[in-house]
C-alpha atoms as a PDB file:
ATOM      1  CA  MET A   1     122.318  22.333 -57.697  1.00  0.00           C
ATOM      2  CA  VAL A   2     122.385  19.056 -59.264  1.00  0.00           C
ATOM      3  CA  VAL A   3     119.147  17.564 -60.882  1.00  0.00           C
ATOM      4  CA  ARG A   4     118.726  14.006 -61.708  1.00  0.00           C
ATOM      5  CA  PHE A   5     115.901  12.956 -63.899  1.00  0.00           C
ATOM      6  CA  LEU A   6     114.802  11.149 -67.096  1.00  0.00           C
ATOM      7  CA  LEU A   7     114.483  13.086 -70.277  1.00  0.00           C
ATOM      8  CA  ASN A   8     113.096  11.025 -73.347  1.00  0.00           C
ATOM      9  CA  GLY A   9     114.057   7.877 -71.859  1.00  0.00           C
ATOM     10  CA  LYS A  10     117.494   8.721 -70.910  1.00  0.00           C
ATOM     11  CA  SER A  11     119.032   9.560 -67.503  1.00  0.00           C
ATOM     12  CA  VAL A  12     120.346  13.049 -67.072  1.00  0.00           C
ATOM     13  CA  GLU A  13     122.453  14.608 -64.279  1.00  0.00           C
ATOM     14  CA  TYR A  14     123.125  18.291 -64.604  1.00  0.00           C
ATOM     15  CA  ASP A  15     124.366  21.064 -62.072  1.00  0.00           C
ATOM     16  CA  VAL A  16     121.884  24.293 -62.543  1.00  0.00           C
ATOM     17  CA  ARG A  17     120.989  27.340 -61.235  1.00  0.00           C
ATOM     18  CA  PRO A  18     118.058  27.132 -58.807  1.00  0.00           C
ATOM     19  CA  ASP A  19     116.282  29.992 -60.708  1.00  0.00           C
ATOM     20  CA  MET A  20     116.656  28.631 -64.387  1.00  0.00           C
ATOM     21  CA  ARG A  21     113.457  27.707 -66.046  1.00  0.00           C
ATOM     22  CA  VAL A  22     113.209  24.303 -67.696  1.00  0.00           C
ATOM     23  CA  LEU A  23     112.547  26.065 -71.336  1.00  0.00           C
ATOM     24  CA  ASP A  24     115.934  27.994 -70.932  1.00  0.00           C
ATOM     25  CA  PHE A  25     117.679  24.711 -69.524  1.00  0.00           C
ATOM     26  CA  PHE A  26     116.425  22.609 -72.465  1.00  0.00           C
ATOM     27  CA  ARG A  27     117.289  25.098 -75.276  1.00  0.00           C
ATOM     28  CA  ASP A  28     120.276  26.978 -74.022  1.00  0.00           C
ATOM     29  CA  GLU A  29     121.975  23.993 -72.211  1.00  0.00           C
ATOM     30  CA  LEU A  30     120.801  20.966 -73.945  1.00  0.00           C
ATOM     31  CA  GLY A  31     119.996  22.150 -77.472  1.00  0.00           C
ATOM     32  CA  LEU A  32     116.476  20.913 -77.465  1.00  0.00           C
ATOM     33  CA  THR A  33     114.480  23.371 -79.630  1.00  0.00           C
ATOM     34  CA  GLY A  34     111.200  21.395 -79.511  1.00  0.00           C
ATOM     35  CA  PRO A  35     109.653  23.710 -76.692  1.00  0.00           C
ATOM     36  CA  LYS A  36     109.241  27.279 -78.023  1.00  0.00           C
ATOM     37  CA  GLU A  37     109.221  30.567 -76.292  1.00  0.00           C
ATOM     38  CA  ALA A  38     106.296  32.590 -77.488  1.00  0.00           C
ATOM     39  CA  CYS A  39     104.411  34.304 -74.418  1.00  0.00           C
ATOM     40  CA  GLY A  40     106.602  33.452 -71.663  1.00  0.00           C
ATOM     41  CA  GLU A  41     103.540  33.289 -69.195  1.00  0.00           C
ATOM     42  CA  GLY A  42     102.136  29.954 -69.593  1.00  0.00           C
ATOM     43  CA  GLU A  43      99.284  31.122 -71.724  1.00  0.00           C
ATOM     44  CA  CYS A  44     100.211  29.715 -75.345  1.00  0.00           C
ATOM     45  CA  GLY A  45     101.376  26.412 -74.737  1.00  0.00           C
ATOM     46  CA  ALA A  46     104.220  26.700 -77.541  1.00  0.00           C
ATOM     47  CA  CYS A  47     106.706  25.259 -74.709  1.00  0.00           C
ATOM     48  CA  THR A  48     104.528  22.456 -73.664  1.00  0.00           C
ATOM     49  CA  ILE A  49     106.633  19.416 -72.206  1.00  0.00           C
ATOM     50  CA  ILE A  50     105.319  15.976 -70.528  1.00  0.00           C
ATOM     51  CA  VAL A  51     106.322  15.648 -66.972  1.00  0.00           C
ATOM     52  CA  ASP A  52     105.136  12.394 -65.092  1.00  0.00           C
ATOM     53  CA  GLY A  53     102.501  12.274 -67.735  1.00  0.00           C
ATOM     54  CA  MET A  54     101.258  15.624 -67.552  1.00  0.00           C
ATOM     55  CA  ASN A  55     101.557  18.428 -69.891  1.00  0.00           C
ATOM     56  CA  VAL A  56     103.486  21.352 -68.285  1.00  0.00           C
ATOM     57  CA  HIS A  57     104.408  24.704 -69.605  1.00  0.00           C
ATOM     58  CA  SER A  58     108.294  24.808 -69.373  1.00  0.00           C
ATOM     59  CA  CYS A  59     108.484  28.417 -69.129  1.00  0.00           C
ATOM     60  CA  LEU A  60     106.854  28.294 -65.758  1.00  0.00           C
ATOM     61  CA  MET A  61     108.703  25.450 -64.389  1.00  0.00           C
ATOM     62  CA  LEU A  62     112.102  25.610 -62.774  1.00  0.00           C
ATOM     63  CA  THR A  63     114.545  23.288 -63.772  1.00  0.00           C
ATOM     64  CA  ALA A  64     115.357  22.256 -59.905  1.00  0.00           C
ATOM     65  CA  GLU A  65     111.650  20.941 -60.054  1.00  0.00           C
ATOM     66  CA  LEU A  66     112.621  17.964 -62.607  1.00  0.00           C
ATOM     67  CA  ASP A  67     114.557  16.230 -59.972  1.00  0.00           C
ATOM     68  CA  GLY A  68     113.500  12.667 -60.003  1.00  0.00           C
ATOM     69  CA  ARG A  69     110.652  13.218 -62.599  1.00  0.00           C
ATOM     70  CA  GLU A  70     110.368  11.757 -66.070  1.00  0.00           C
ATOM     71  CA  VAL A  71     110.277  14.277 -68.764  1.00  0.00           C
ATOM     72  CA  TRP A  72     109.556  14.116 -72.513  1.00  0.00           C
ATOM     73  CA  THR A  73     109.995  16.616 -75.206  1.00  0.00           C
ATOM     74  CA  ILE A  74     108.961  16.405 -78.775  1.00  0.00           C
ATOM     75  CA  GLU A  75     112.483  15.408 -79.499  1.00  0.00           C
ATOM     76  CA  GLY A  76     111.816  12.157 -77.499  1.00  0.00           C
ATOM     77  CA  LEU A  77     109.026  11.094 -79.641  1.00  0.00           C
ATOM     78  CA  GLU A  78     111.124   9.851 -82.728  1.00  0.00           C
ATOM     79  CA  GLY A  79     111.116   6.302 -83.223  1.00  0.00           C
ATOM     80  CA  PRO A  80     113.903   4.081 -84.343  1.00  0.00           C
ATOM     81  CA  ASN A  81     115.797   5.533 -87.627  1.00  0.00           C
ATOM     82  CA  GLY A  82     114.075   8.783 -87.090  1.00  0.00           C
ATOM     83  CA  LYS A  83     110.654   7.340 -87.882  1.00  0.00           C
ATOM     84  CA  LEU A  84     107.974   9.852 -86.810  1.00  0.00           C
ATOM     85  CA  HIS A  85     105.344   9.082 -83.982  1.00  0.00           C
ATOM     86  CA  PRO A  86     101.808   8.452 -85.165  1.00  0.00           C
ATOM     87  CA  ILE A  87     100.730  11.736 -83.826  1.00  0.00           C
ATOM     88  CA  GLN A  88     103.512  13.621 -85.696  1.00  0.00           C
ATOM     89  CA  GLU A  89     102.480  11.720 -88.784  1.00  0.00           C
ATOM     90  CA  ALA A  90      98.702  12.705 -88.217  1.00  0.00           C
ATOM     91  CA  PHE A  91      99.467  16.209 -87.985  1.00  0.00           C
ATOM     92  CA  ILE A  92     101.499  16.040 -91.276  1.00  0.00           C
ATOM     93  CA  GLU A  93      98.825  14.087 -93.197  1.00  0.00           C
ATOM     94  CA  ALA A  94      96.046  16.341 -91.635  1.00  0.00           C
ATOM     95  CA  GLY A  95      97.703  19.562 -92.777  1.00  0.00           C
ATOM     96  CA  ALA A  96      97.879  20.870 -89.154  1.00  0.00           C
ATOM     97  CA  VAL A  97     101.406  22.409 -89.476  1.00  0.00           C
ATOM     98  CA  GLN A  98     101.260  25.689 -91.008  1.00  0.00           C
ATOM     99  CA  CYS A  99     103.963  28.012 -89.503  1.00  0.00           C
ATOM    100  CA  GLY A 100     104.745  25.147 -86.962  1.00  0.00           C
ATOM    101  CA  PHE A 101     105.500  27.447 -84.281  1.00  0.00           C
ATOM    102  CA  CYS A 102     102.864  25.819 -81.906  1.00  0.00           C
ATOM    103  CA  THR A 103     103.039  22.293 -83.358  1.00  0.00           C
ATOM    104  CA  PRO A 104     105.402  20.847 -80.982  1.00  0.00           C
ATOM    105  CA  GLY A 105     103.194  21.805 -77.975  1.00  0.00           C
ATOM    106  CA  MET A 106     100.194  20.880 -79.650  1.00  0.00           C
ATOM    107  CA  ILE A 107     101.831  17.420 -80.225  1.00  0.00           C
ATOM    108  CA  MET A 108     102.835  17.070 -76.928  1.00  0.00           C
ATOM    109  CA  SER A 109      99.440  17.886 -75.490  1.00  0.00           C
ATOM    110  CA  THR A 110      97.656  15.356 -77.898  1.00  0.00           C
ATOM    111  CA  LYS A 111     100.108  12.723 -76.706  1.00  0.00           C
ATOM    112  CA  VAL A 112      98.879  13.258 -72.992  1.00  0.00           C
ATOM    113  CA  LEU A 113      95.270  13.157 -74.122  1.00  0.00           C
ATOM    114  CA  LEU A 114      95.718   9.870 -76.177  1.00  0.00           C
ATOM    115  CA  ASP A 115      97.868   8.121 -73.641  1.00  0.00           C
ATOM    116  CA  ASN A 116      95.026   8.815 -71.123  1.00  0.00           C
ATOM    117  CA  ASN A 117      92.042   8.498 -73.685  1.00  0.00           C
ATOM    118  CA  PRO A 118      92.701   7.078 -76.815  1.00  0.00           C
ATOM    119  CA  SER A 119      89.178   7.489 -78.368  1.00  0.00           C
ATOM    120  CA  PRO A 120      88.323  11.025 -77.160  1.00  0.00           C
ATOM    121  CA  THR A 121      85.247  13.038 -78.555  1.00  0.00           C
ATOM    122  CA  ARG A 122      85.520  16.191 -80.080  1.00  0.00           C
ATOM    123  CA  GLU A 123      84.677  17.909 -77.218  1.00  0.00           C
ATOM    124  CA  GLU A 124      87.364  16.173 -75.245  1.00  0.00           C
ATOM    125  CA  ILE A 125      89.980  17.016 -77.798  1.00  0.00           C
ATOM    126  CA  LYS A 126      89.183  20.793 -77.655  1.00  0.00           C
ATOM    127  CA  LYS A 127      89.490  20.718 -73.591  1.00  0.00           C
ATOM    128  CA  ALA A 128      92.751  18.959 -73.828  1.00  0.00           C
ATOM    129  CA  LEU A 129      94.064  21.559 -76.381  1.00  0.00           C
ATOM    130  CA  GLU A 130      92.859  24.561 -74.339  1.00  0.00           C
ATOM    131  CA  GLY A 131      96.270  25.383 -73.216  1.00  0.00           C
ATOM    132  CA  ASN A 132      97.789  25.488 -76.625  1.00  0.00           C
ATOM    133  CA  LEU A 133      97.272  28.519 -79.170  1.00  0.00           C
ATOM    134  CA  CYS A 134      97.531  28.616 -82.965  1.00  0.00           C
ATOM    135  CA  ARG A 135      97.519  31.866 -84.957  1.00  0.00           C
ATOM    136  CA  CYS A 136      97.554  30.087 -88.340  1.00  0.00           C
ATOM    137  CA  THR A 137      94.944  26.960 -88.634  1.00  0.00           C
ATOM    138  CA  GLY A 138      91.725  28.201 -86.857  1.00  0.00           C
ATOM    139  CA  TYR A 139      92.078  24.811 -84.966  1.00  0.00           C
ATOM    140  CA  TYR A 140      90.013  22.655 -87.500  1.00  0.00           C
ATOM    141  CA  LYS A 141      93.078  20.972 -89.013  1.00  0.00           C
ATOM    142  CA  ILE A 142      94.568  20.470 -85.754  1.00  0.00           C
ATOM    143  CA  ILE A 143      91.510  18.902 -84.210  1.00  0.00           C
ATOM    144  CA  GLU A 144      91.264  16.727 -87.531  1.00  0.00           C
ATOM    145  CA  ALA A 145      94.797  15.709 -86.906  1.00  0.00           C
ATOM    146  CA  VAL A 146      94.152  14.476 -83.175  1.00  0.00           C
ATOM    147  CA  GLU A 147      91.101  12.566 -84.596  1.00  0.00           C
ATOM    148  CA  LEU A 148      93.506  10.872 -87.103  1.00  0.00           C
ATOM    149  CA  ALA A 149      96.118  10.421 -84.538  1.00  0.00           C
ATOM    150  CA  ALA A 150      93.807   8.662 -82.314  1.00  0.00           C
ATOM    151  CA  LYS A 151      93.036   6.260 -85.266  1.00  0.00           C
ATOM    152  CA  LYS A 152      96.656   5.691 -85.651  1.00  0.00           C
ATOM    153  CA  VAL A 153      97.445   5.201 -82.160  1.00  0.00           C
ATOM    154  CA  ARG A 154      94.585   2.569 -81.692  1.00  0.00           C
ATOM    155  CA  GLY A 155      95.720   0.885 -84.587  1.00  0.00           C
ATOM    156  CA  ASP A 156      92.247   1.732 -86.473  1.00  0.00           C
ATOM    157  CA  GLU A 157      94.300   3.630 -89.551  1.00  0.00           C
END
């Protein structure tokens, strides 16, 4: 089956198996290693991508469902000349990247939050990150990173 969609701002047309998960397609066929396989059950958020403005666990979505949609992975956040996105900068500056395994998913969920709410409260941040698990940080640094990212995105920093 042929799927056509926008991936990180570029048109993609690809012949895929109807039963292939998006996570496997991105990693195995397209070489995009930002989304990670951890639980494989949509519980951890390591594989989070953005589909039509919503965060989605790519381990639960079939590639055929991408047809006609707009999709972003963490690889698409990079700016011109490899410049980091303000959210990525904030995660580094706040020290929210310990082992880094959960970081791409956390950043993608943060992007969805800040796209919809550039001034979230701490409770709104916690709610937005509920689908992403981290085993290293205890979330304090991650929440601080999201607060800093919000300032950067708004231009307050």
